[in-house]
N, C-alpha and C. Protein backbone atom coordinates (compact mmCIF):
# COMPACT_ATOMS: atom_id res chain seq x y z
N MET A 1 0.79 -1.39 0.19
CA MET A 1 -0.02 0.07 0.06
C MET A 1 1.10 1.41 0.14
N LYS A 2 0.35 2.39 -0.69
CA LYS A 2 0.91 3.54 -0.53
C LYS A 2 0.10 4.61 0.34
N ASN A 3 1.21 5.34 0.49
CA ASN A 3 0.36 6.83 1.23
C ASN A 3 -0.60 6.07 2.45
N TYR A 4 -0.33 5.86 3.19
CA TYR A 4 -0.93 5.38 4.50
C TYR A 4 -0.54 6.18 5.39
N THR A 5 -1.54 6.31 6.27
CA THR A 5 -0.90 7.03 7.60
C THR A 5 -0.91 6.62 8.66
N ALA A 6 0.00 6.43 9.56
CA ALA A 6 -0.70 5.55 11.22
C ALA A 6 -0.76 6.87 12.15
N ILE A 7 -1.90 6.25 13.05
CA ILE A 7 -2.39 7.67 14.13
C ILE A 7 -1.74 6.91 15.13
N SER A 8 -1.66 7.24 16.02
CA SER A 8 -1.56 6.90 17.58
C SER A 8 -2.34 7.99 18.67
N MET A 9 -2.64 6.86 19.13
CA MET A 9 -4.08 7.43 20.43
C MET A 9 -3.10 7.29 21.57
N PRO A 10 -4.16 7.88 22.16
CA PRO A 10 -3.57 8.27 23.57
C PRO A 10 -4.12 7.21 24.54
N LYS A 11 -3.41 6.46 25.37
CA LYS A 11 -4.41 5.76 26.40
C LYS A 11 -5.87 5.54 26.99
N TYR A 12 -6.04 7.17 27.60
CA TYR A 12 -6.97 7.44 27.55
C TYR A 12 -7.54 8.91 27.12
N GLY A 13 -8.67 8.60 26.29
CA GLY A 13 -9.23 10.02 25.75
C GLY A 13 -9.50 9.32 24.26
N GLU A 14 -9.38 10.20 23.53
CA GLU A 14 -10.81 9.92 21.84
C GLU A 14 -9.81 10.78 20.95
N GLY A 15 -9.91 10.45 19.54
CA GLY A 15 -9.15 11.36 18.55
C GLY A 15 -10.14 10.90 17.05
N SER A 16 -9.99 11.31 16.37
CA SER A 16 -10.62 10.66 14.66
C SER A 16 -9.54 11.43 14.12
N SER A 17 -9.50 10.45 12.58
CA SER A 17 -8.87 10.95 11.42
C SER A 17 -9.57 10.49 10.67
N SER A 18 -9.39 10.95 9.06
CA SER A 18 -9.45 10.96 8.02
C SER A 18 -8.10 10.50 7.29
N THR A 19 -7.93 9.37 6.07
CA THR A 19 -7.34 9.42 5.19
C THR A 19 -7.53 8.49 3.75
N ALA A 20 -7.02 8.66 2.85
CA ALA A 20 -7.24 7.93 1.57
C ALA A 20 -5.91 6.55 1.46
N VAL A 21 -6.30 5.54 1.13
CA VAL A 21 -5.45 4.63 0.66
C VAL A 21 -5.41 4.21 -0.77
N THR A 22 -4.02 3.94 -1.33
CA THR A 22 -4.17 3.79 -2.22
C THR A 22 -3.61 2.08 -2.41
N TYR A 23 -4.02 0.87 -2.95
CA TYR A 23 -3.70 -0.34 -3.38
C TYR A 23 -3.25 -0.25 -4.36
N ASP A 24 -1.80 -0.30 -4.76
CA ASP A 24 -1.05 -0.87 -5.53
C ASP A 24 -0.25 -1.87 -5.76
N VAL A 25 -1.43 -3.05 -6.91
CA VAL A 25 -1.32 -4.48 -6.56
C VAL A 25 -0.17 -4.80 -7.20
N ASP A 26 0.68 -4.17 -8.82
CA ASP A 26 1.68 -4.35 -9.03
C ASP A 26 2.71 -3.96 -8.02
N HIS A 27 2.73 -2.89 -7.49
CA HIS A 27 3.89 -2.25 -6.53
C HIS A 27 3.75 -3.03 -5.29
N TRP A 28 3.15 -3.47 -4.92
CA TRP A 28 2.82 -4.92 -3.79
C TRP A 28 4.21 -5.68 -4.15
N LYS A 29 3.70 -6.15 -5.39
CA LYS A 29 4.32 -7.90 -6.11
C LYS A 29 5.39 -7.28 -6.17
N ARG A 30 5.95 -6.58 -6.68
CA ARG A 30 7.55 -5.96 -6.99
C ARG A 30 8.18 -6.19 -5.15
N ILE A 31 7.63 -5.50 -4.53
CA ILE A 31 8.35 -5.43 -2.99
C ILE A 31 8.10 -5.99 -2.03
N THR A 32 7.52 -7.74 -2.60
CA THR A 32 7.98 -8.53 -2.32
C THR A 32 7.87 -9.79 -2.73
N LEU A 33 8.85 -9.85 -3.67
CA LEU A 33 9.40 -10.54 -4.45
C LEU A 33 10.97 -10.63 -3.66
N LEU A 34 11.58 -12.51 -3.32
CA LEU A 34 12.34 -12.85 -3.31
C LEU A 34 13.47 -12.17 -3.57
N PRO A 35 14.55 -12.18 -2.51
CA PRO A 35 16.09 -11.63 -3.78
C PRO A 35 16.26 -12.82 -4.60
N VAL A 36 16.88 -12.37 -5.55
CA VAL A 36 17.74 -12.68 -6.34
C VAL A 36 18.43 -13.49 -5.98
N ASP A 37 18.87 -14.72 -6.28
CA ASP A 37 20.40 -15.31 -5.83
C ASP A 37 21.50 -15.28 -6.91
N ARG A 38 22.69 -14.23 -6.32
CA ARG A 38 23.54 -13.74 -7.44
C ARG A 38 24.52 -14.20 -7.15
N SER A 39 24.50 -15.62 -6.29
CA SER A 39 26.11 -16.07 -6.27
C SER A 39 26.16 -16.97 -7.04
N ASN A 40 25.42 -17.74 -8.07
CA ASN A 40 25.82 -18.36 -9.19
C ASN A 40 25.43 -17.36 -10.54
N LEU A 41 25.67 -16.15 -10.64
CA LEU A 41 25.20 -15.10 -11.99
C LEU A 41 26.77 -15.31 -12.47
N LYS A 42 26.58 -15.20 -13.85
CA LYS A 42 27.69 -15.03 -14.85
C LYS A 42 27.08 -13.95 -15.62
N LEU A 43 27.16 -12.61 -15.09
CA LEU A 43 26.90 -11.40 -15.73
C LEU A 43 28.34 -10.93 -17.10
N GLU A 44 26.90 -10.72 -18.11
CA GLU A 44 27.98 -9.92 -18.86
C GLU A 44 28.13 -8.84 -19.02
N LEU A 45 29.06 -8.07 -18.60
CA LEU A 45 29.50 -6.71 -18.42
C LEU A 45 29.51 -5.98 -19.83
N VAL A 46 28.75 -4.59 -19.63
CA VAL A 46 28.04 -3.72 -20.87
C VAL A 46 28.80 -2.39 -20.41
N LYS A 47 29.40 -2.12 -21.14
CA LYS A 47 29.71 -0.65 -20.82
C LYS A 47 29.34 0.18 -21.26
N GLN A 48 28.40 1.08 -20.55
CA GLN A 48 27.71 1.86 -21.28
C GLN A 48 28.46 3.67 -21.33
N ASN A 49 28.26 4.25 -22.83
CA ASN A 49 28.66 5.09 -23.20
C ASN A 49 28.22 5.88 -24.43
N LEU A 50 27.34 6.25 -24.09
CA LEU A 50 26.18 7.09 -24.67
C LEU A 50 26.65 8.43 -25.35
N PRO A 51 26.13 8.74 -26.48
CA PRO A 51 26.86 9.88 -27.21
C PRO A 51 26.09 10.99 -26.78
N PRO A 52 26.67 12.26 -26.73
CA PRO A 52 25.92 13.43 -26.02
C PRO A 52 24.26 13.66 -26.60
N ARG A 53 23.54 13.92 -25.52
CA ARG A 53 21.74 14.27 -26.47
C ARG A 53 21.31 12.96 -27.21
N GLN A 54 21.44 11.61 -26.69
CA GLN A 54 20.99 10.88 -27.35
C GLN A 54 19.76 10.36 -26.56
N SER A 55 18.78 10.46 -27.58
CA SER A 55 17.20 10.19 -26.64
C SER A 55 16.98 8.29 -26.80
N SER A 56 16.10 7.54 -26.58
CA SER A 56 15.27 6.25 -26.07
C SER A 56 14.97 5.87 -26.91
N ASN A 57 15.26 4.64 -27.56
CA ASN A 57 14.42 4.08 -28.53
C ASN A 57 13.50 2.66 -27.86
N PRO A 58 12.76 2.10 -28.89
CA PRO A 58 11.51 0.83 -28.30
C PRO A 58 12.61 -0.26 -27.40
N LYS A 59 14.22 -0.29 -27.53
CA LYS A 59 15.03 -1.42 -27.42
C LYS A 59 16.13 -0.71 -26.22
N THR A 60 15.61 0.74 -26.13
CA THR A 60 16.73 1.24 -25.19
C THR A 60 16.30 2.36 -24.09
N ALA A 61 16.98 2.04 -23.03
CA ALA A 61 16.16 3.70 -22.36
C ALA A 61 17.12 4.09 -21.20
N ILE A 62 16.95 5.74 -21.51
CA ILE A 62 18.34 6.50 -20.72
C ILE A 62 17.78 6.41 -19.21
N VAL A 63 18.61 6.21 -17.86
CA VAL A 63 17.93 6.59 -16.49
C VAL A 63 19.04 7.11 -16.48
N GLU A 64 18.57 8.34 -15.83
CA GLU A 64 19.55 9.19 -14.92
C GLU A 64 19.11 9.02 -13.33
N ILE A 65 20.28 8.91 -12.61
CA ILE A 65 20.31 8.93 -11.11
C ILE A 65 21.16 10.03 -10.52
N GLN A 66 21.14 10.53 -9.90
CA GLN A 66 21.24 11.51 -8.69
C GLN A 66 21.81 10.73 -7.37
N PHE A 67 22.86 11.10 -6.71
CA PHE A 67 23.06 10.32 -5.45
C PHE A 67 23.47 11.88 -4.85
N LEU A 68 22.76 12.41 -3.75
CA LEU A 68 22.84 13.47 -3.13
C LEU A 68 23.10 12.95 -1.48
N ASN A 69 23.94 13.56 -0.56
CA ASN A 69 24.02 13.77 0.77
C ASN A 69 22.95 14.43 1.32
N PRO A 70 22.83 13.93 2.38
CA PRO A 70 21.75 14.64 3.62
C PRO A 70 21.61 16.26 3.40
N LEU A 71 22.74 17.05 2.93
CA LEU A 71 22.10 18.40 2.87
C LEU A 71 22.13 18.73 1.07
N GLY A 72 22.00 17.93 0.96
CA GLY A 72 21.24 17.97 -1.20
C GLY A 72 22.57 18.28 -1.90
N GLN A 73 23.46 17.84 -2.19
CA GLN A 73 25.28 18.08 -2.38
C GLN A 73 25.23 16.63 -3.45
N ALA A 74 25.57 16.88 -4.12
CA ALA A 74 25.68 15.20 -5.34
C ALA A 74 26.98 14.83 -4.59
N TRP A 75 26.97 13.92 -5.26
CA TRP A 75 28.37 12.64 -4.89
C TRP A 75 28.72 12.69 -5.85
N ARG A 76 30.45 12.45 -5.91
CA ARG A 76 30.92 12.14 -7.14
C ARG A 76 31.72 10.69 -6.94
N ASP A 77 31.67 10.49 -8.52
CA ASP A 77 32.93 9.28 -8.39
C ASP A 77 32.24 7.87 -7.25
N VAL A 78 31.06 7.55 -8.01
CA VAL A 78 30.24 6.46 -6.99
C VAL A 78 29.94 5.34 -7.90
N PRO A 79 30.72 4.17 -7.97
CA PRO A 79 30.75 3.31 -8.62
C PRO A 79 28.66 2.93 -8.97
N LEU A 80 28.61 2.18 -10.19
CA LEU A 80 27.43 2.20 -10.44
C LEU A 80 27.35 0.73 -11.28
N ALA A 81 25.90 0.12 -11.20
CA ALA A 81 25.86 -0.85 -12.00
C ALA A 81 24.39 -1.14 -12.11
N LEU A 82 23.94 -1.18 -13.21
CA LEU A 82 22.60 -1.59 -13.49
C LEU A 82 22.63 -2.87 -13.83
N ILE A 83 21.42 -3.91 -13.21
CA ILE A 83 21.69 -5.52 -13.61
C ILE A 83 19.76 -5.41 -13.86
N ALA A 84 20.29 -6.37 -15.45
CA ALA A 84 18.83 -6.85 -15.68
C ALA A 84 19.03 -8.07 -15.99
N TYR A 85 18.69 -8.61 -14.95
CA TYR A 85 18.40 -10.60 -14.97
C TYR A 85 17.89 -11.05 -15.82
N GLU A 86 17.01 -10.14 -16.51
CA GLU A 86 16.54 -11.77 -17.70
C GLU A 86 16.99 -11.23 -18.69
N LEU A 87 18.43 -10.37 -19.04
CA LEU A 87 19.28 -10.40 -19.83
C LEU A 87 20.49 -10.55 -19.68
N ASN A 88 20.38 -11.25 -18.46
CA ASN A 88 22.33 -11.72 -17.65
C ASN A 88 23.05 -10.90 -17.85
N GLN A 89 22.72 -9.33 -17.88
CA GLN A 89 23.77 -8.42 -17.87
C GLN A 89 23.70 -7.60 -17.20
N SER A 90 24.82 -6.80 -16.81
CA SER A 90 25.17 -5.46 -16.00
C SER A 90 25.98 -4.36 -16.68
N PHE A 91 24.82 -3.74 -16.46
CA PHE A 91 25.32 -2.30 -17.26
C PHE A 91 26.04 -1.24 -16.32
N TYR A 92 27.40 -1.02 -16.99
CA TYR A 92 28.07 -0.05 -16.05
C TYR A 92 28.40 0.69 -16.58
N PHE A 93 29.36 2.16 -15.76
CA PHE A 93 29.27 3.72 -15.79
C PHE A 93 30.91 4.05 -15.85
């Protein structure tokens, strides 16, 4: 479930609240999947080096990831790889 609210009530007393709850079945199925066993994976390493201003097409996607510290400042030189288990590939940058 997304957008839920927890309400704490005093031991003695009353209270009221209202909220809307969105039930997203696809999201729930994804977050409750068992972790993938990576011990036997032999991933093909694929170097990503896209030309400037390349756009995506039906067989590719462009993913932008920003690493920010608690102050909102960018972290630099963080190793990153995206793994596609169905393709058995690891895309690194």
